[in-house]
Structure formats: structure tokens, C-alpha cells
N, C-alpha and C. Protein backbone atom coordinates (compact mmCIF):
# COMPACT_ATOMS: atom_id res chain seq x y z
N MET A 1 -57.74 74.14 177.99
CA MET A 1 -56.39 73.71 178.38
C MET A 1 -56.56 72.13 178.16
N ASN A 2 -55.33 71.66 177.98
CA ASN A 2 -54.85 70.07 177.53
C ASN A 2 -54.84 69.94 178.69
N PRO A 3 -55.56 68.13 179.25
CA PRO A 3 -55.61 67.72 180.43
C PRO A 3 -54.25 67.08 180.45
N GLN A 4 -53.05 66.84 179.32
CA GLN A 4 -52.03 66.17 179.58
C GLN A 4 -50.98 67.17 179.80
N GLN A 5 -51.19 68.48 179.86
CA GLN A 5 -50.28 69.62 180.43
C GLN A 5 -50.67 70.38 181.50
N THR A 6 -49.95 69.71 182.90
CA THR A 6 -50.17 70.33 184.05
C THR A 6 -49.20 71.17 184.56
N THR A 7 -49.43 72.37 184.68
CA THR A 7 -48.36 73.56 185.45
C THR A 7 -48.73 73.56 186.99
N ALA A 8 -47.77 73.75 187.61
CA ALA A 8 -47.85 74.06 188.85
C ALA A 8 -48.23 75.41 189.13
N PRO A 9 -48.94 75.99 190.05
CA PRO A 9 -49.44 77.20 190.22
C PRO A 9 -48.09 78.46 190.18
N GLU A 10 -47.73 79.01 189.45
CA GLU A 10 -47.12 80.31 189.82
C GLU A 10 -47.26 80.70 191.66
N SER A 11 -45.89 81.02 191.74
CA SER A 11 -45.92 81.16 193.45
C SER A 11 -45.39 82.56 193.43
N SER A 12 -46.34 83.32 193.96
CA SER A 12 -46.26 85.00 194.04
C SER A 12 -45.67 85.32 195.29
N VAL A 13 -44.90 84.32 196.01
CA VAL A 13 -44.54 84.49 197.20
C VAL A 13 -42.82 85.40 197.20
N SER A 14 -42.63 86.26 197.60
CA SER A 14 -40.97 87.10 197.59
C SER A 14 -40.99 87.17 199.09
N ALA A 15 -39.50 86.99 199.26
CA ALA A 15 -39.08 87.28 200.27
C ALA A 15 -39.03 88.73 200.76
N ALA A 16 -39.46 88.91 201.78
CA ALA A 16 -39.64 90.52 202.62
C ALA A 16 -37.89 90.91 202.90
N ALA A 17 -38.21 92.36 202.44
CA ALA A 17 -36.67 92.54 202.45
C ALA A 17 -36.52 93.11 203.96
N PRO A 18 -35.23 92.80 204.52
CA PRO A 18 -35.16 92.99 205.99
C PRO A 18 -35.58 94.70 206.15
N PRO A 19 -35.76 94.64 207.33
CA PRO A 19 -35.86 96.27 207.98
C PRO A 19 -34.68 97.11 207.32
N ASN A 20 -34.70 98.25 206.96
CA ASN A 20 -33.29 99.07 207.26
C ASN A 20 -33.45 100.26 208.08
N GLY A 21 -34.25 100.59 208.88
CA GLY A 21 -34.77 101.49 209.71
C GLY A 21 -33.49 102.14 210.19
N SER A 22 -32.76 100.57 210.86
CA SER A 22 -31.54 101.17 211.77
C SER A 22 -30.25 101.61 210.76
N GLY A 23 -30.12 101.52 209.53
CA GLY A 23 -29.45 102.06 208.39
C GLY A 23 -29.63 103.35 208.54
N ALA A 24 -30.95 103.63 208.42
CA ALA A 24 -31.70 104.93 207.83
C ALA A 24 -31.55 106.15 209.00
N ALA A 25 -31.49 105.62 210.15
CA ALA A 25 -31.27 106.36 211.29
C ALA A 25 -29.95 106.86 211.57
N ALA A 26 -29.15 106.01 211.21
CA ALA A 26 -27.68 106.32 211.40
C ALA A 26 -27.29 107.15 210.01
N VAL A 27 -27.76 107.06 209.13
CA VAL A 27 -27.42 107.75 207.96
C VAL A 27 -27.48 109.47 208.37
N LEU A 28 -29.36 109.18 208.50
CA LEU A 28 -29.86 110.50 208.70
C LEU A 28 -29.12 111.58 210.20
N ALA A 29 -29.05 110.90 211.12
CA ALA A 29 -28.10 111.36 212.21
C ALA A 29 -27.40 111.89 212.07
N ALA A 30 -26.47 111.61 211.17
CA ALA A 30 -25.02 111.86 210.80
C ALA A 30 -25.17 113.37 210.39
N GLY A 31 -26.43 113.76 209.18
CA GLY A 31 -26.74 114.84 208.44
C GLY A 31 -27.04 115.61 209.39
N ILE A 32 -27.87 115.38 210.23
CA ILE A 32 -28.43 116.13 211.41
C ILE A 32 -27.04 116.75 212.07
N GLY A 33 -26.32 115.70 212.64
CA GLY A 33 -25.29 116.18 213.89
C GLY A 33 -24.25 116.82 212.82
N SER A 34 -24.37 116.92 211.56
CA SER A 34 -23.25 117.70 210.94
C SER A 34 -23.87 119.39 210.53
N LEU A 35 -25.07 119.57 210.53
CA LEU A 35 -25.99 120.72 210.35
C LEU A 35 -25.56 121.04 212.08
N ALA A 36 -25.66 120.70 212.98
CA ALA A 36 -25.62 120.97 214.52
C ALA A 36 -24.24 121.48 214.93
N LEU A 37 -23.12 121.15 214.33
CA LEU A 37 -22.12 121.36 214.39
C LEU A 37 -21.64 123.14 213.72
N ALA A 38 -22.49 123.05 212.54
CA ALA A 38 -22.11 124.27 211.99
C ALA A 38 -22.86 125.40 212.77
N VAL A 39 -23.82 124.92 213.50
CA VAL A 39 -25.11 125.83 213.77
C VAL A 39 -24.63 126.36 215.40
N VAL A 40 -24.54 125.23 215.87
CA VAL A 40 -23.72 125.75 217.15
C VAL A 40 -22.15 126.54 217.07
N ALA A 41 -21.59 126.49 216.44
CA ALA A 41 -20.35 126.90 215.80
C ALA A 41 -20.61 128.27 215.62
N ILE A 42 -21.46 128.77 214.81
CA ILE A 42 -21.38 129.80 214.13
C ILE A 42 -22.56 130.46 215.38
N ALA A 43 -23.15 130.36 216.53
CA ALA A 43 -23.73 130.82 217.46
C ALA A 43 -23.00 131.18 218.88
N GLY A 44 -22.11 130.04 218.59
CA GLY A 44 -21.11 130.09 219.67
C GLY A 44 -19.57 131.34 219.23
N ASP A 45 -20.04 131.72 217.94
CA ASP A 45 -18.87 132.63 217.30
C ASP A 45 -19.91 134.36 217.50
N ARG A 46 -20.86 134.08 217.49
CA ARG A 46 -21.66 135.50 217.06
C ARG A 46 -22.42 135.67 218.43
N ILE A 47 -22.71 134.92 219.26
CA ILE A 47 -23.46 135.24 220.62
C ILE A 47 -22.58 135.22 221.85
N ALA A 48 -21.99 136.25 222.18
CA ALA A 48 -21.32 136.23 223.30
C ALA A 48 -21.42 135.63 224.79
N GLY A 49 -22.71 135.54 225.25
CA GLY A 49 -23.08 134.99 226.25
C GLY A 49 -22.92 132.93 225.63
N PHE A 50 -23.93 133.00 225.38
CA PHE A 50 -23.15 131.54 224.37
C PHE A 50 -22.07 130.75 223.94
N GLY A 51 -21.29 131.57 223.32
CA GLY A 51 -19.76 131.32 223.61
C GLY A 51 -19.11 131.13 224.98
N LYS A 52 -19.40 131.87 225.89
CA LYS A 52 -18.92 131.52 227.00
C LYS A 52 -19.56 130.50 227.58
N LEU A 53 -21.11 130.14 227.31
CA LEU A 53 -21.69 128.96 227.81
C LEU A 53 -21.09 127.81 227.19
N MET A 54 -20.35 127.93 225.78
CA MET A 54 -20.05 126.71 225.55
C MET A 54 -18.46 126.35 225.83
N ILE A 55 -17.80 127.08 226.45
CA ILE A 55 -16.65 126.55 227.13
C ILE A 55 -16.45 125.62 228.56
N PHE A 56 -16.27 124.44 227.92
CA PHE A 56 -16.41 123.32 228.70
C PHE A 56 -14.81 122.85 229.20
N TYR A 57 -13.64 123.61 228.52
CA TYR A 57 -12.24 122.74 228.83
C TYR A 57 -12.01 124.11 228.43
N ARG A 58 -10.90 125.42 229.19
CA ARG A 58 -10.48 126.48 228.82
C ARG A 58 -9.54 126.53 227.91
N PRO A 59 -8.78 125.44 227.73
CA PRO A 59 -7.69 125.61 227.11
C PRO A 59 -8.50 125.70 225.53
N THR A 60 -9.25 125.03 225.00
CA THR A 60 -9.73 124.90 223.82
C THR A 60 -10.42 125.78 223.38
N GLY A 61 -11.24 126.67 224.51
CA GLY A 61 -12.36 127.78 224.55
C GLY A 61 -13.50 126.99 224.32
N PRO A 62 -14.48 127.95 223.49
CA PRO A 62 -16.09 127.71 223.06
C PRO A 62 -15.77 126.23 222.29
N LEU A 63 -14.79 125.60 221.54
CA LEU A 63 -14.76 124.70 220.60
C LEU A 63 -14.79 123.34 221.58
N SER A 64 -14.85 123.32 222.48
CA SER A 64 -15.20 122.11 223.35
C SER A 64 -16.49 121.87 223.88
N GLY A 65 -17.01 123.26 223.87
CA GLY A 65 -18.74 122.81 224.17
C GLY A 65 -19.25 122.79 222.80
N VAL A 66 -19.12 123.40 221.55
CA VAL A 66 -19.74 123.32 220.35
C VAL A 66 -19.37 121.81 219.83
N THR A 67 -18.48 121.44 219.85
CA THR A 67 -17.96 119.94 219.44
C THR A 67 -18.46 118.79 219.96
N THR A 68 -18.90 119.15 221.73
CA THR A 68 -19.44 118.47 222.99
C THR A 68 -20.69 118.28 222.35
N SER A 69 -21.74 119.60 222.07
CA SER A 69 -23.02 119.83 222.13
C SER A 69 -23.39 119.25 220.61
N ALA A 70 -22.64 119.38 219.83
CA ALA A 70 -23.15 118.73 218.61
C ALA A 70 -23.15 116.96 218.29
N ILE A 71 -22.04 116.35 219.26
CA ILE A 71 -22.21 115.30 219.59
C ILE A 71 -23.27 114.56 220.12
N VAL A 72 -23.82 115.65 221.17
CA VAL A 72 -24.85 115.06 221.78
C VAL A 72 -26.25 115.27 221.12
N VAL A 73 -26.10 116.12 220.27
CA VAL A 73 -27.58 116.44 219.39
C VAL A 73 -27.44 114.81 218.05
N TRP A 74 -26.43 114.56 217.52
CA TRP A 74 -26.27 113.51 216.52
C TRP A 74 -26.76 112.05 217.50
N LEU A 75 -26.05 112.13 218.67
CA LEU A 75 -26.63 110.81 219.50
C LEU A 75 -28.13 110.81 219.80
N MET A 76 -28.31 112.11 219.93
CA MET A 76 -29.73 112.16 220.73
C MET A 76 -30.79 111.58 219.25
N ALA A 77 -30.34 112.24 218.04
CA ALA A 77 -30.92 112.10 216.64
C ALA A 77 -30.90 110.48 216.37
N TRP A 78 -29.61 110.15 216.57
CA TRP A 78 -29.61 108.82 215.87
C TRP A 78 -30.62 107.41 216.90
N ALA A 79 -30.33 108.06 218.55
CA ALA A 79 -31.47 107.02 219.52
C ALA A 79 -32.81 107.05 219.45
N LEU A 80 -33.35 108.73 218.77
CA LEU A 80 -34.65 108.36 218.72
C LEU A 80 -35.11 107.95 216.91
N LEU A 81 -34.20 107.88 216.34
CA LEU A 81 -34.58 107.58 214.86
C LEU A 81 -34.05 106.17 214.91
N GLU A 82 -33.46 105.65 215.56
CA GLU A 82 -33.26 104.48 215.33
C GLU A 82 -34.38 103.42 216.94
N TRP A 83 -34.98 104.26 217.55
CA TRP A 83 -35.83 103.80 218.43
C TRP A 83 -37.49 103.81 217.53
N ARG A 84 -37.72 104.50 216.65
CA ARG A 84 -38.51 105.09 215.82
C ARG A 84 -38.73 104.00 214.66
N TRP A 85 -37.56 103.59 214.00
CA TRP A 85 -37.39 102.91 212.80
C TRP A 85 -36.97 101.75 213.18
N ARG A 86 -36.28 101.24 214.23
CA ARG A 86 -35.71 99.80 214.04
C ARG A 86 -36.30 98.70 213.37
N LYS A 87 -37.89 98.66 213.55
CA LYS A 87 -38.28 97.47 212.75
C LYS A 87 -38.95 98.01 211.47
N LYS A 88 -38.74 99.30 210.97
CA LYS A 88 -39.04 99.31 209.34
C LYS A 88 -38.53 99.55 208.54
N SER A 89 -39.15 99.37 207.03
CA SER A 89 -38.37 99.30 205.87
C SER A 89 -38.59 101.08 205.64
N VAL A 90 -38.00 101.64 205.61
CA VAL A 90 -38.05 103.21 205.14
C VAL A 90 -37.39 103.42 203.93
N ALA A 91 -38.15 104.72 203.51
CA ALA A 91 -37.34 105.09 201.59
C ALA A 91 -36.16 105.34 201.75
N LEU A 92 -35.05 104.82 202.38
CA LEU A 92 -33.58 105.00 202.13
C LEU A 92 -32.66 105.65 201.16
N GLY A 93 -33.55 106.19 199.88
CA GLY A 93 -33.41 107.05 199.05
C GLY A 93 -33.32 108.59 199.43
N LYS A 94 -34.66 108.84 199.59
CA LYS A 94 -34.91 109.94 200.22
C LYS A 94 -34.25 110.27 201.46
N ILE A 95 -33.92 109.19 202.36
CA ILE A 95 -33.39 109.66 203.50
C ILE A 95 -32.09 110.22 203.10
N ALA A 96 -31.19 109.52 202.48
CA ALA A 96 -30.28 109.65 202.25
C ALA A 96 -29.47 110.85 201.39
N ALA A 97 -30.61 110.89 200.80
CA ALA A 97 -30.38 112.32 200.11
C ALA A 97 -30.86 113.57 200.92
N ALA A 98 -31.86 113.52 201.79
CA ALA A 98 -31.95 114.63 202.80
C ALA A 98 -30.72 114.52 203.84
N ALA A 99 -30.29 113.62 204.25
CA ALA A 99 -28.65 113.39 204.96
C ALA A 99 -27.64 113.77 204.13
N LEU A 100 -27.67 114.00 202.79
CA LEU A 100 -26.58 114.43 202.04
C LEU A 100 -26.53 116.15 201.89
N VAL A 101 -28.11 116.41 201.92
CA VAL A 101 -28.08 118.02 201.82
C VAL A 101 -27.98 118.63 203.48
N LEU A 102 -27.99 117.97 204.20
CA LEU A 102 -27.68 118.01 205.63
C LEU A 102 -26.32 118.26 205.87
N LEU A 103 -25.56 117.50 205.57
CA LEU A 103 -24.21 117.19 205.31
C LEU A 103 -23.60 118.33 204.61
N ILE A 104 -23.97 118.79 203.56
CA ILE A 104 -23.56 119.66 202.66
C ILE A 104 -23.62 120.92 203.01
N LEU A 105 -24.84 121.23 203.80
CA LEU A 105 -25.19 122.39 204.37
C LEU A 105 -24.25 122.65 205.52
N GLY A 106 -24.19 122.01 206.61
CA GLY A 106 -23.09 121.88 207.60
C GLY A 106 -21.63 122.28 207.21
N LEU A 107 -21.42 121.50 205.87
CA LEU A 107 -19.91 121.64 205.83
C LEU A 107 -19.60 122.88 205.17
N LEU A 108 -20.80 123.37 204.25
CA LEU A 108 -20.70 124.66 203.69
C LEU A 108 -20.51 125.69 204.73
N LEU A 109 -21.48 126.00 205.79
CA LEU A 109 -21.67 126.77 207.01
C LEU A 109 -20.18 126.79 207.91
N THR A 110 -19.46 125.63 208.00
CA THR A 110 -18.31 125.70 208.52
C THR A 110 -17.20 126.82 208.32
N PHE A 111 -17.16 126.82 206.89
CA PHE A 111 -16.54 128.07 206.32
C PHE A 111 -16.81 129.49 206.56
N PRO A 112 -15.50 130.30 206.75
CA PRO A 112 -15.98 131.50 206.96
C PRO A 112 -16.85 132.63 206.25
N PRO A 113 -16.49 132.58 205.20
CA PRO A 113 -17.44 133.23 203.66
C PRO A 113 -18.79 133.21 203.79
N LEU A 114 -19.44 131.50 204.17
CA LEU A 114 -20.65 131.38 204.63
C LEU A 114 -21.40 131.91 205.78
N ALA A 115 -20.34 131.52 206.94
CA ALA A 115 -20.30 131.65 208.54
C ALA A 115 -20.76 133.19 208.91
N ASP A 116 -19.64 133.73 207.77
CA ASP A 116 -19.67 135.37 208.22
C ASP A 116 -20.89 135.93 207.78
N LEU A 117 -21.95 135.11 207.19
CA LEU A 117 -22.89 135.61 206.57
C LEU A 117 -23.95 135.99 208.16
N PHE A 118 -24.21 135.34 208.59
CA PHE A 118 -25.17 135.12 209.83
C PHE A 118 -24.61 136.00 211.18
């Protein structure tokens, strides 16, 4: 090494990424809520006793309980995932892919041709 050439040591310190757990929790909870809506809707249509249980507001019939139940599942999933992931960095790509799959399944299961299979 040439004594005239002095270089500062390279810094390997990189800025840590902020936790993304809260955002990931919201994304995955949306997928879970979408699938819950489809599953509860199918159960409300196919199981007479469950359909009667889902009547929260008589003029709308079982739809009132189906949507309310799906919202409760979505909020509970969001709260639980937020509580577990709030200070963590998680694999957002995998979580977004899982949420997309759940969302697509939920959407497809709300259409009569597929819902009638169950």
C-alpha cells in the first residue's frame, strides 16, 4: 500500500427498512375478509338454519348477517395480524400474493355457477 494514498474505510452501514407489518396485515386481512364473505354467503344459502341465523335485519334477509359476519372476520383478522406484525418486516411479496389468491377465490365463489357447486 502506498503511504500517500489514504482512503477512508468503506461504510457498510445501511439504513434499516422501516417495518412493513402493519401494511401487510391490512393487505392479508382484506383477502381473508373477501374469502369469508363468499364462504358465509354460500353457507347462508345452503344451510337453512344458518341462513335464518344470519337474518340480522329482516328486510334484507340473510344478507345483513352475511355481510356483517364477513366484516367482523375481516376486522378480527386485521387486528390479530396487526398485533403480531406491527413492529416486524415481513415478506410483503408473498403476503400480497396470498391476499390476491384469497381475493380471487372470494370473488369467484360469489358467482352462482361456482357457488352452486357447493
